[in-house]
Amino acid sequence: MSRICVYLGSREGNSPAFRQAAQALGTALAVRGHTLVYGGARIGLMGELANAALAAGGHVIGVMPDHLVEREQAHFGLTELIRVANMHERKATMAANADAFIAMPGGIGTFEELFEIWTWGYLGLHEKPMGLLNIEDFYGPLMTFLNNTVDQGFLAQPTRDMLKDAQTPEALLDILERQL
C-alpha cells in the first residue's frame, strides 16, 4: 500500500468544485488502497479529504505541530495523528511518510509545501512522483508561469516535467501510480 501526501487548503475556497474534488480524491485514495498523509486538520478542504478517505475505509495519517492543534482544529478521528514540534518537522515527517505528493488548491502554506518538495526532488533528495490536481484551472496560471521560466532559461525542461498535472483525481492518480 503506497502512501500519498496531499497538500491543500485548510479553507474550502469559493467554488464547491474544490470541496467535491477533495472528497473525490479522498475516496479514490481509499478505494485504490493508498494511505493518505496530510496536515491533520478537520476543517476546510483538509477535513473534506480526510473524512472522505475514512468514510471509504482508508487509512489516514495526519501530521500537525502542537501549536497548530487548536488553530487548525486537529482531526482526532484519524487512523493516526502525529504531533510534531514545528512546521519544519511537520514537512519532514510528511515527506518521510509519503511515496508520492499531490497539491490541491490552497494558499501560501500549500504553495510552500509544494515548492519545497519539488526542490527536494530537483536536488536529488527523493525520486517520488509529484502532481497538481488542477481543479477549475486553479494551477493554470502557475503552469504558464513555470513554462515561461523554462522559456526564459531559468528552469530546465526535465525539472519542469517532474511536476505532473491533471484535472481529476482519477487521472492524476493514474499518472502518479505509473511512477510508483
C-alpha atoms as a PDB file:
ATOM      1  CA  MET A   1       0.000   0.000   0.000  1.00  0.00           C
ATOM      2  CA  SER A   2       1.583   3.289  -1.059  1.00  0.00           C
ATOM      3  CA  ARG A   3       1.249   6.464   0.943  1.00  0.00           C
ATOM      4  CA  ILE A   4       0.297   9.645  -0.865  1.00  0.00           C
ATOM      5  CA  CYS A   5       0.822  13.034   0.752  1.00  0.00           C
ATOM      6  CA  VAL A   6      -1.704  15.691  -0.199  1.00  0.00           C
ATOM      7  CA  TYR A   7      -1.078  19.397   0.323  1.00  0.00           C
ATOM      8  CA  LEU A   8      -4.258  21.502   0.309  1.00  0.00           C
ATOM      9  CA  GLY A   9      -6.122  24.310   1.984  1.00  0.00           C
ATOM     10  CA  SER A  10      -7.473  24.484   5.492  1.00  0.00           C
ATOM     11  CA  ARG A  11     -10.171  26.633   3.895  1.00  0.00           C
ATOM     12  CA  GLU A  12     -12.716  25.407   1.335  1.00  0.00           C
ATOM     13  CA  GLY A  13     -12.230  28.146  -1.243  1.00  0.00           C
ATOM     14  CA  ASN A  14     -15.032  29.859  -3.152  1.00  0.00           C
ATOM     15  CA  SER A  15     -16.011  27.081  -5.542  1.00  0.00           C
ATOM     16  CA  PRO A  16     -17.940  23.959  -4.491  1.00  0.00           C
ATOM     17  CA  ALA A  17     -15.796  22.129  -7.075  1.00  0.00           C
ATOM     18  CA  PHE A  18     -12.808  22.311  -4.710  1.00  0.00           C
ATOM     19  CA  ARG A  19     -14.722  20.566  -1.910  1.00  0.00           C
ATOM     20  CA  GLN A  20     -16.093  17.985  -4.336  1.00  0.00           C
ATOM     21  CA  ALA A  21     -12.596  17.291  -5.673  1.00  0.00           C
ATOM     22  CA  ALA A  22     -11.208  16.857  -2.147  1.00  0.00           C
ATOM     23  CA  GLN A  23     -13.963  14.361  -1.382  1.00  0.00           C
ATOM     24  CA  ALA A  24     -13.412  12.537  -4.675  1.00  0.00           C
ATOM     25  CA  LEU A  25      -9.659  12.349  -4.103  1.00  0.00           C
ATOM     26  CA  GLY A  26     -10.104  11.044  -0.555  1.00  0.00           C
ATOM     27  CA  THR A  27     -12.486   8.363  -1.780  1.00  0.00           C
ATOM     28  CA  ALA A  28     -10.247   7.418  -4.702  1.00  0.00           C
ATOM     29  CA  LEU A  29      -7.180   7.111  -2.467  1.00  0.00           C
ATOM     30  CA  ALA A  30      -9.009   4.736  -0.146  1.00  0.00           C
ATOM     31  CA  VAL A  31     -10.614   2.679  -2.924  1.00  0.00           C
ATOM     32  CA  ARG A  32      -7.235   2.277  -4.642  1.00  0.00           C
ATOM     33  CA  GLY A  33      -5.635   1.138  -1.386  1.00  0.00           C
ATOM     34  CA  HIS A  34      -3.433   4.163  -0.744  1.00  0.00           C
ATOM     35  CA  THR A  35      -2.832   5.673   2.679  1.00  0.00           C
ATOM     36  CA  LEU A  36      -3.483   9.411   2.853  1.00  0.00           C
ATOM     37  CA  VAL A  37      -0.833  11.559   4.527  1.00  0.00           C
ATOM     38  CA  TYR A  38      -1.846  15.184   5.081  1.00  0.00           C
ATOM     39  CA  GLY A  39      -1.650  18.107   7.503  1.00  0.00           C
ATOM     40  CA  GLY A  40      -4.068  16.700  10.086  1.00  0.00           C
ATOM     41  CA  ALA A  41      -6.865  19.315  10.142  1.00  0.00           C
ATOM     42  CA  ARG A  42     -10.583  18.584  10.353  1.00  0.00           C
ATOM     43  CA  ILE A  43     -11.590  21.860   8.663  1.00  0.00           C
ATOM     44  CA  GLY A  44     -11.571  23.146   5.086  1.00  0.00           C
ATOM     45  CA  LEU A  45     -10.512  21.022   2.172  1.00  0.00           C
ATOM     46  CA  MET A  46      -8.202  19.141   4.519  1.00  0.00           C
ATOM     47  CA  GLY A  47     -11.141  17.896   6.573  1.00  0.00           C
ATOM     48  CA  GLU A  48     -13.185  17.029   3.488  1.00  0.00           C
ATOM     49  CA  LEU A  49     -10.322  14.966   2.075  1.00  0.00           C
ATOM     50  CA  ALA A  50      -9.680  13.073   5.309  1.00  0.00           C
ATOM     51  CA  ASN A  51     -13.356  12.435   6.035  1.00  0.00           C
ATOM     52  CA  ALA A  52     -13.933  11.042   2.536  1.00  0.00           C
ATOM     53  CA  ALA A  53     -10.924   8.733   2.788  1.00  0.00           C
ATOM     54  CA  LEU A  54     -12.051   7.498   6.211  1.00  0.00           C
ATOM     55  CA  ALA A  55     -15.652   7.009   5.034  1.00  0.00           C
ATOM     56  CA  ALA A  56     -14.362   4.855   2.163  1.00  0.00           C
ATOM     57  CA  GLY A  57     -12.405   2.673   4.608  1.00  0.00           C
ATOM     58  CA  GLY A  58      -8.998   4.241   4.017  1.00  0.00           C
ATOM     59  CA  HIS A  59      -6.058   4.785   6.323  1.00  0.00           C
ATOM     60  CA  VAL A  60      -5.338   8.436   7.100  1.00  0.00           C
ATOM     61  CA  ILE A  61      -2.213   9.836   8.756  1.00  0.00           C
ATOM     62  CA  GLY A  62      -2.307  13.469   9.856  1.00  0.00           C
ATOM     63  CA  VAL A  63       0.783  15.438  10.863  1.00  0.00           C
ATOM     64  CA  MET A  64       0.327  18.614  12.890  1.00  0.00           C
ATOM     65  CA  PRO A  65       2.600  20.814  15.016  1.00  0.00           C
ATOM     66  CA  ASP A  66       1.491  21.198  18.613  1.00  0.00           C
ATOM     67  CA  HIS A  67       0.993  24.959  18.217  1.00  0.00           C
ATOM     68  CA  LEU A  68      -1.488  24.426  15.369  1.00  0.00           C
ATOM     69  CA  VAL A  69      -3.590  21.745  17.024  1.00  0.00           C
ATOM     70  CA  GLU A  70      -6.009  24.365  18.355  1.00  0.00           C
ATOM     71  CA  ARG A  71      -5.680  26.838  15.475  1.00  0.00           C
ATOM     72  CA  GLU A  72      -6.307  24.299  12.697  1.00  0.00           C
ATOM     73  CA  GLN A  73      -8.670  22.198  14.742  1.00  0.00           C
ATOM     74  CA  ALA A  74      -6.865  18.877  14.586  1.00  0.00           C
ATOM     75  CA  HIS A  75      -8.800  15.867  13.354  1.00  0.00           C
ATOM     76  CA  PHE A  76      -8.797  13.362  16.197  1.00  0.00           C
ATOM     77  CA  GLY A  77     -10.708  10.686  14.262  1.00  0.00           C
ATOM     78  CA  LEU A  78      -7.798   9.729  12.007  1.00  0.00           C
ATOM     79  CA  THR A  79      -6.067   6.391  11.799  1.00  0.00           C
ATOM     80  CA  GLU A  80      -3.043   8.193  13.226  1.00  0.00           C
ATOM     81  CA  LEU A  81      -2.359  11.804  14.240  1.00  0.00           C
ATOM     82  CA  ILE A  82       1.340  12.555  14.558  1.00  0.00           C
ATOM     83  CA  ARG A  83       2.040  15.623  16.671  1.00  0.00           C
ATOM     84  CA  VAL A  84       5.349  17.345  15.982  1.00  0.00           C
ATOM     85  CA  ALA A  85       7.223  20.293  17.453  1.00  0.00           C
ATOM     86  CA  ASN A  86       7.159  22.718  14.499  1.00  0.00           C
ATOM     87  CA  MET A  87       6.435  23.270  10.803  1.00  0.00           C
ATOM     88  CA  HIS A  88       9.854  22.052   9.682  1.00  0.00           C
ATOM     89  CA  GLU A  89       9.313  18.763  11.476  1.00  0.00           C
ATOM     90  CA  ARG A  90       5.793  18.562  10.023  1.00  0.00           C
ATOM     91  CA  LYS A  91       7.007  18.836   6.446  1.00  0.00           C
ATOM     92  CA  ALA A  92       9.878  16.414   7.003  1.00  0.00           C
ATOM     93  CA  THR A  93       7.561  13.899   8.678  1.00  0.00           C
ATOM     94  CA  MET A  94       5.006  14.154   5.887  1.00  0.00           C
ATOM     95  CA  ALA A  95       7.727  13.681   3.259  1.00  0.00           C
ATOM     96  CA  ALA A  96       9.245  10.718   5.092  1.00  0.00           C
ATOM     97  CA  ASN A  97       5.832   9.057   5.310  1.00  0.00           C
ATOM     98  CA  ALA A  98       4.941   9.522   1.629  1.00  0.00           C
ATOM     99  CA  ASP A  99       5.656   7.716  -1.623  1.00  0.00           C
ATOM    100  CA  ALA A 100       4.123  10.451  -3.810  1.00  0.00           C
ATOM    101  CA  PHE A 101       2.816  14.019  -3.485  1.00  0.00           C
ATOM    102  CA  ILE A 102      -0.280  15.848  -4.694  1.00  0.00           C
ATOM    103  CA  ALA A 103      -1.068  19.552  -4.367  1.00  0.00           C
ATOM    104  CA  MET A 104      -4.704  20.588  -4.499  1.00  0.00           C
ATOM    105  CA  PRO A 105      -5.935  24.175  -4.369  1.00  0.00           C
ATOM    106  CA  GLY A 106      -4.765  26.001  -1.280  1.00  0.00           C
ATOM    107  CA  GLY A 107      -2.992  29.082  -0.065  1.00  0.00           C
ATOM    108  CA  ILE A 108       0.501  30.112   0.868  1.00  0.00           C
ATOM    109  CA  GLY A 109       1.139  27.038   3.035  1.00  0.00           C
ATOM    110  CA  THR A 110       0.176  24.706   0.189  1.00  0.00           C
ATOM    111  CA  PHE A 111       2.459  26.577  -2.207  1.00  0.00           C
ATOM    112  CA  GLU A 112       5.341  26.496   0.246  1.00  0.00           C
ATOM    113  CA  GLU A 113       4.973  22.735   0.785  1.00  0.00           C
ATOM    114  CA  LEU A 114       4.690  22.090  -2.952  1.00  0.00           C
ATOM    115  CA  PHE A 115       7.751  24.112  -3.884  1.00  0.00           C
ATOM    116  CA  GLU A 116       9.839  22.677  -1.074  1.00  0.00           C
ATOM    117  CA  ILE A 117       9.103  19.052  -2.003  1.00  0.00           C
ATOM    118  CA  TRP A 118       9.684  19.850  -5.685  1.00  0.00           C
ATOM    119  CA  THR A 119      13.020  21.482  -4.788  1.00  0.00           C
ATOM    120  CA  TRP A 120      13.968  18.405  -2.749  1.00  0.00           C
ATOM    121  CA  GLY A 121      13.244  16.270  -5.828  1.00  0.00           C
ATOM    122  CA  TYR A 122      15.321  18.571  -8.018  1.00  0.00           C
ATOM    123  CA  LEU A 123      18.210  18.310  -5.552  1.00  0.00           C
ATOM    124  CA  GLY A 124      18.012  14.515  -5.634  1.00  0.00           C
ATOM    125  CA  LEU A 125      16.778  14.151  -2.054  1.00  0.00           C
ATOM    126  CA  HIS A 126      13.887  11.987  -3.304  1.00  0.00           C
ATOM    127  CA  GLU A 127      12.612  10.454  -6.533  1.00  0.00           C
ATOM    128  CA  LYS A 128       8.943  10.411  -5.617  1.00  0.00           C
ATOM    129  CA  PRO A 129       6.269  11.457  -8.127  1.00  0.00           C
ATOM    130  CA  MET A 130       4.577  14.838  -7.700  1.00  0.00           C
ATOM    131  CA  GLY A 131       1.424  16.246  -9.217  1.00  0.00           C
ATOM    132  CA  LEU A 132      -1.060  19.096  -9.223  1.00  0.00           C
ATOM    133  CA  LEU A 133      -4.783  18.433  -9.038  1.00  0.00           C
ATOM    134  CA  ASN A 134      -5.786  21.300 -11.284  1.00  0.00           C
ATOM    135  CA  ILE A 135      -9.444  21.798 -10.355  1.00  0.00           C
ATOM    136  CA  GLU A 136     -11.148  24.594 -12.325  1.00  0.00           C
ATOM    137  CA  ASP A 137      -7.735  25.535 -13.770  1.00  0.00           C
ATOM    138  CA  PHE A 138      -6.594  26.702 -10.324  1.00  0.00           C
ATOM    139  CA  TYR A 139      -2.984  25.926 -11.237  1.00  0.00           C
ATOM    140  CA  GLY A 140      -3.238  27.080 -14.882  1.00  0.00           C
ATOM    141  CA  PRO A 141      -1.593  30.476 -14.259  1.00  0.00           C
ATOM    142  CA  LEU A 142       1.162  28.812 -12.240  1.00  0.00           C
ATOM    143  CA  MET A 143       1.853  26.300 -15.022  1.00  0.00           C
ATOM    144  CA  THR A 144       2.006  29.157 -17.538  1.00  0.00           C
ATOM    145  CA  PHE A 145       4.494  30.920 -15.276  1.00  0.00           C
ATOM    146  CA  LEU A 146       6.582  27.755 -14.846  1.00  0.00           C
ATOM    147  CA  ASN A 147       6.624  27.162 -18.596  1.00  0.00           C
ATOM    148  CA  ASN A 148       7.806  30.755 -19.007  1.00  0.00           C
ATOM    149  CA  THR A 149      10.674  30.089 -16.596  1.00  0.00           C
ATOM    150  CA  VAL A 150      11.739  27.290 -18.944  1.00  0.00           C
ATOM    151  CA  ASP A 151      11.402  29.560 -21.991  1.00  0.00           C
ATOM    152  CA  GLN A 152      13.461  32.257 -20.247  1.00  0.00           C
ATOM    153  CA  GLY A 153      16.247  29.814 -19.323  1.00  0.00           C
ATOM    154  CA  PHE A 154      15.751  29.735 -15.543  1.00  0.00           C
ATOM    155  CA  LEU A 155      14.273  26.249 -15.289  1.00  0.00           C
ATOM    156  CA  ALA A 156      15.323  23.138 -17.189  1.00  0.00           C
ATOM    157  CA  GLN A 157      12.561  21.252 -19.000  1.00  0.00           C
ATOM    158  CA  PRO A 158      13.299  17.969 -17.151  1.00  0.00           C
ATOM    159  CA  THR A 159      12.838  19.787 -13.833  1.00  0.00           C
ATOM    160  CA  ARG A 160       9.551  21.280 -15.045  1.00  0.00           C
ATOM    161  CA  ASP A 161       8.466  17.827 -16.222  1.00  0.00           C
ATOM    162  CA  MET A 162       8.858  16.422 -12.710  1.00  0.00           C
ATOM    163  CA  LEU A 163       5.609  18.189 -11.768  1.00  0.00           C
ATOM    164  CA  LYS A 164       2.649  16.416 -13.410  1.00  0.00           C
ATOM    165  CA  ASP A 165      -0.909  17.720 -13.559  1.00  0.00           C
ATOM    166  CA  ALA A 166      -4.434  16.534 -14.239  1.00  0.00           C
ATOM    167  CA  GLN A 167      -7.958  17.878 -13.805  1.00  0.00           C
ATOM    168  CA  THR A 168      -9.491  14.893 -12.000  1.00  0.00           C
ATOM    169  CA  PRO A 169      -8.337  12.775  -9.060  1.00  0.00           C
ATOM    170  CA  GLU A 170      -8.569   9.591 -11.114  1.00  0.00           C
ATOM    171  CA  ALA A 171      -6.434  10.955 -13.959  1.00  0.00           C
ATOM    172  CA  LEU A 172      -3.785  12.292 -11.592  1.00  0.00           C
ATOM    173  CA  LEU A 173      -3.652   9.061  -9.590  1.00  0.00           C
ATOM    174  CA  ASP A 174      -3.259   7.103 -12.846  1.00  0.00           C
ATOM    175  CA  ILE A 175      -0.240   9.262 -13.747  1.00  0.00           C
ATOM    176  CA  LEU A 176       1.374   9.015 -10.299  1.00  0.00           C
ATOM    177  CA  GLU A 177       0.725   5.286  -9.899  1.00  0.00           C
ATOM    178  CA  ARG A 178       2.655   4.593 -13.103  1.00  0.00           C
ATOM    179  CA  GLN A 179       5.673   6.240 -11.446  1.00  0.00           C
ATOM    180  CA  LEU A 180       5.424   4.433  -8.092  1.00  0.00           C
END
